[in-house]
Structure formats: C-alpha cells, structure tokens
Amino acid sequence: MLLRIHHAAIIGSDYARSKYFYTVVLGLPVLAEHYRAARKSWKLDLALPDGSQIELFSMPGAPPRPSYPEAQGLRHLAFEVQDVAQCKHTLEAQGVAVEAVRVDEYTGRRFVFFTDPDGLPLELYEAAPVG
C-alpha cells in the first residue's frame, strides 16, 4: 500500500532563519515557495535527491516542540549520506553543533545527530556500502 515517504513537514519559528538553514547549510534545492496570505504563513517545498521532499512552514504563534526528555510522536528526521564524518565536518564549519559520531550496533553504520534552528532533532545516517 505505501510506496515511500513523500515529504516531511517542519514548522519553523523564524522562517528566514529556517529557510537559510535548510537551503544553504543543508543545501536542499527549492522546488516552490508560496506566501499564504489567509494564514500569514510561508510554505517552502525543498527537494531531496531521491524525490522525497521537506515542506517548511512558518506558522505565527506555533508553540515550541517538546523534545527533551524524549516526547511522544516523531522522534527525529534522518538523512542518508555517503560519509558521516565529512558531513559532520561540513556542518561544523558552518557553525552547526554536531554530536559525536556513533556506530549503529545492529548495522555497523555510522550516524550523528544535530538540530535545526528550532531544536528539531536531525540525523545523518551512513549509506550501506556498495558492493
């Protein structure tokens, strides 16, 4: 029935700051950007190489997301990358605080966590070796 994840929706507290983070820091290309006057809200569609998308919204007055300690619901958003250490270095060079690299005890692949400007937990997860 389900084919794949089409998109994940994120609400930022500061649209310009979040847009910069996702488009410049993470390098996601913009598919579309719309201002929704009735809601006084922006909607930005961002592309990932596999065809999936991130919808970035601004929602005036949206409450902060509870995260720590772990809250019920979506725990984090993970992105697959070829080289976790290189991506960690790239993010840190842009001022993003990134946790130490860990190794998945079940797959043996490396992963690391960081957050977006609103504290949304994001993960970089190493792609399976080709071969």
Protein backbone atom coordinates (compact mmCIF):
# COMPACT_ATOMS: atom_id res chain seq x y z
CA MET A 1 0.00 0.00 0.00
CA LEU A 2 2.68 2.56 0.99
CA LEU A 3 5.41 3.24 -1.56
CA ARG A 4 7.77 5.63 0.24
CA ILE A 5 7.78 8.80 2.31
CA HIS A 6 6.76 11.67 0.05
CA HIS A 7 7.55 14.53 2.41
CA ALA A 8 8.13 15.60 5.99
CA ALA A 9 6.59 18.87 7.17
CA ILE A 10 8.51 21.19 9.51
CA ILE A 11 7.28 24.38 11.16
CA GLY A 12 9.98 26.94 11.90
CA SER A 13 9.72 29.77 14.41
CA ASP A 14 11.75 32.14 12.20
CA TYR A 15 11.09 31.49 8.52
CA ALA A 16 14.16 33.31 7.18
CA ARG A 17 16.48 31.52 9.62
CA SER A 18 14.96 28.11 8.87
CA LYS A 19 15.00 28.73 5.11
CA TYR A 20 18.70 29.63 5.30
CA PHE A 21 19.47 26.51 7.35
CA TYR A 22 17.70 24.07 5.03
CA THR A 23 18.71 25.69 1.72
CA VAL A 24 22.23 26.97 2.44
CA VAL A 25 23.56 24.92 5.36
CA LEU A 26 21.97 21.62 4.27
CA GLY A 27 21.95 22.56 0.57
CA LEU A 28 18.42 21.49 -0.31
CA PRO A 29 17.12 22.99 -3.58
CA VAL A 30 13.84 24.92 -3.60
CA LEU A 31 11.00 23.41 -5.62
CA ALA A 32 8.42 26.08 -4.80
CA GLU A 33 7.78 28.89 -2.35
CA HIS A 34 4.37 30.39 -1.59
CA TYR A 35 3.06 33.00 0.78
CA ARG A 36 -0.37 32.04 2.10
CA ALA A 37 -1.93 35.40 2.95
CA ALA A 38 -5.01 33.95 4.67
CA ARG A 39 -2.72 32.16 7.15
CA LYS A 40 0.05 34.80 7.19
CA SER A 41 2.33 31.86 6.54
CA TRP A 42 5.05 30.75 4.14
CA LYS A 43 5.28 27.27 2.57
CA LEU A 44 8.60 26.23 1.07
CA ASP A 45 8.98 22.92 -0.78
CA LEU A 46 12.52 21.50 -0.74
CA ALA A 47 13.85 18.56 -2.76
CA LEU A 48 15.99 15.60 -1.81
CA PRO A 49 17.86 13.61 -4.48
CA ASP A 50 15.58 10.56 -4.16
CA GLY A 51 12.46 12.60 -4.96
CA SER A 52 11.25 13.00 -1.39
CA GLN A 53 10.62 16.49 -0.07
CA ILE A 54 10.62 18.66 3.01
CA GLU A 55 7.82 21.20 3.43
CA LEU A 56 8.99 24.13 5.54
CA PHE A 57 6.22 26.26 7.03
CA SER A 58 6.04 29.43 9.05
CA MET A 59 3.09 29.44 11.43
CA PRO A 60 2.69 32.55 13.58
CA GLY A 61 2.20 31.60 17.21
CA ALA A 62 3.10 27.92 16.85
CA PRO A 63 4.20 26.51 20.21
CA PRO A 64 7.71 25.10 20.64
CA ARG A 65 8.15 21.36 20.07
CA PRO A 66 8.75 19.36 23.25
CA SER A 67 11.87 17.28 22.74
CA TYR A 68 13.96 16.67 25.83
CA PRO A 69 13.29 14.44 27.60
CA GLU A 70 12.02 12.38 24.70
CA ALA A 71 8.45 13.34 23.79
CA GLN A 72 5.90 11.05 22.18
CA GLY A 73 5.50 11.30 18.43
CA LEU A 74 8.07 11.71 15.69
CA ARG A 75 11.48 11.36 17.32
CA HIS A 76 13.79 12.70 14.60
CA LEU A 77 14.29 13.05 10.85
CA ALA A 78 17.22 11.09 9.39
CA PHE A 79 19.05 11.79 6.13
CA GLU A 80 21.18 9.17 4.40
CA VAL A 81 24.69 10.34 3.48
CA GLN A 82 27.77 8.72 1.96
CA ASP A 83 30.29 9.92 4.56
CA VAL A 84 29.05 10.86 8.04
CA ALA A 85 32.41 12.24 9.19
CA GLN A 86 32.76 14.52 6.15
CA CYS A 87 29.17 15.80 6.52
CA LYS A 88 29.77 16.39 10.24
CA HIS A 89 32.85 18.45 9.39
CA THR A 90 30.94 20.45 6.75
CA LEU A 91 28.14 21.28 9.22
CA GLU A 92 30.56 22.22 12.00
CA ALA A 93 32.45 24.51 9.59
CA GLN A 94 29.15 26.40 9.17
CA GLY A 95 28.67 26.75 12.93
CA VAL A 96 26.27 23.85 13.48
CA ALA A 97 26.78 21.96 16.74
CA VAL A 98 27.01 18.25 15.94
CA GLU A 99 27.17 15.39 18.43
CA ALA A 100 29.94 12.79 18.36
CA VAL A 101 29.78 10.12 15.67
CA ARG A 102 28.25 6.85 16.89
CA VAL A 103 28.01 3.40 15.35
CA ASP A 104 24.69 1.55 14.97
CA GLU A 105 25.11 -1.64 16.96
CA TYR A 106 22.91 -3.59 14.54
CA THR A 107 24.12 -2.39 11.14
CA GLY A 108 27.66 -1.25 11.92
CA ARG A 109 26.97 2.05 10.11
CA ARG A 110 27.94 5.43 11.50
CA PHE A 111 25.42 8.13 12.44
CA VAL A 112 25.36 11.51 14.12
CA PHE A 113 22.74 13.91 15.49
CA PHE A 114 22.36 17.69 15.26
CA THR A 115 19.41 20.07 15.41
CA ASP A 116 17.81 22.65 13.16
CA PRO A 117 17.44 26.25 14.40
CA ASP A 118 14.33 25.31 16.40
CA GLY A 119 15.86 22.27 18.09
CA LEU A 120 14.27 19.67 15.78
CA PRO A 121 16.49 16.58 16.05
CA LEU A 122 18.09 15.66 12.72
CA GLU A 123 20.30 12.66 11.98
CA LEU A 124 22.87 11.82 9.34
CA TYR A 125 22.97 8.06 8.72
CA GLU A 126 25.65 6.42 6.61
CA ALA A 127 24.55 4.67 3.41
CA ALA A 128 25.15 0.96 3.10
CA PRO A 129 28.44 0.10 1.41
CA VAL A 130 28.18 -0.51 -2.32
CA GLY A 131 29.40 -3.86 -3.42
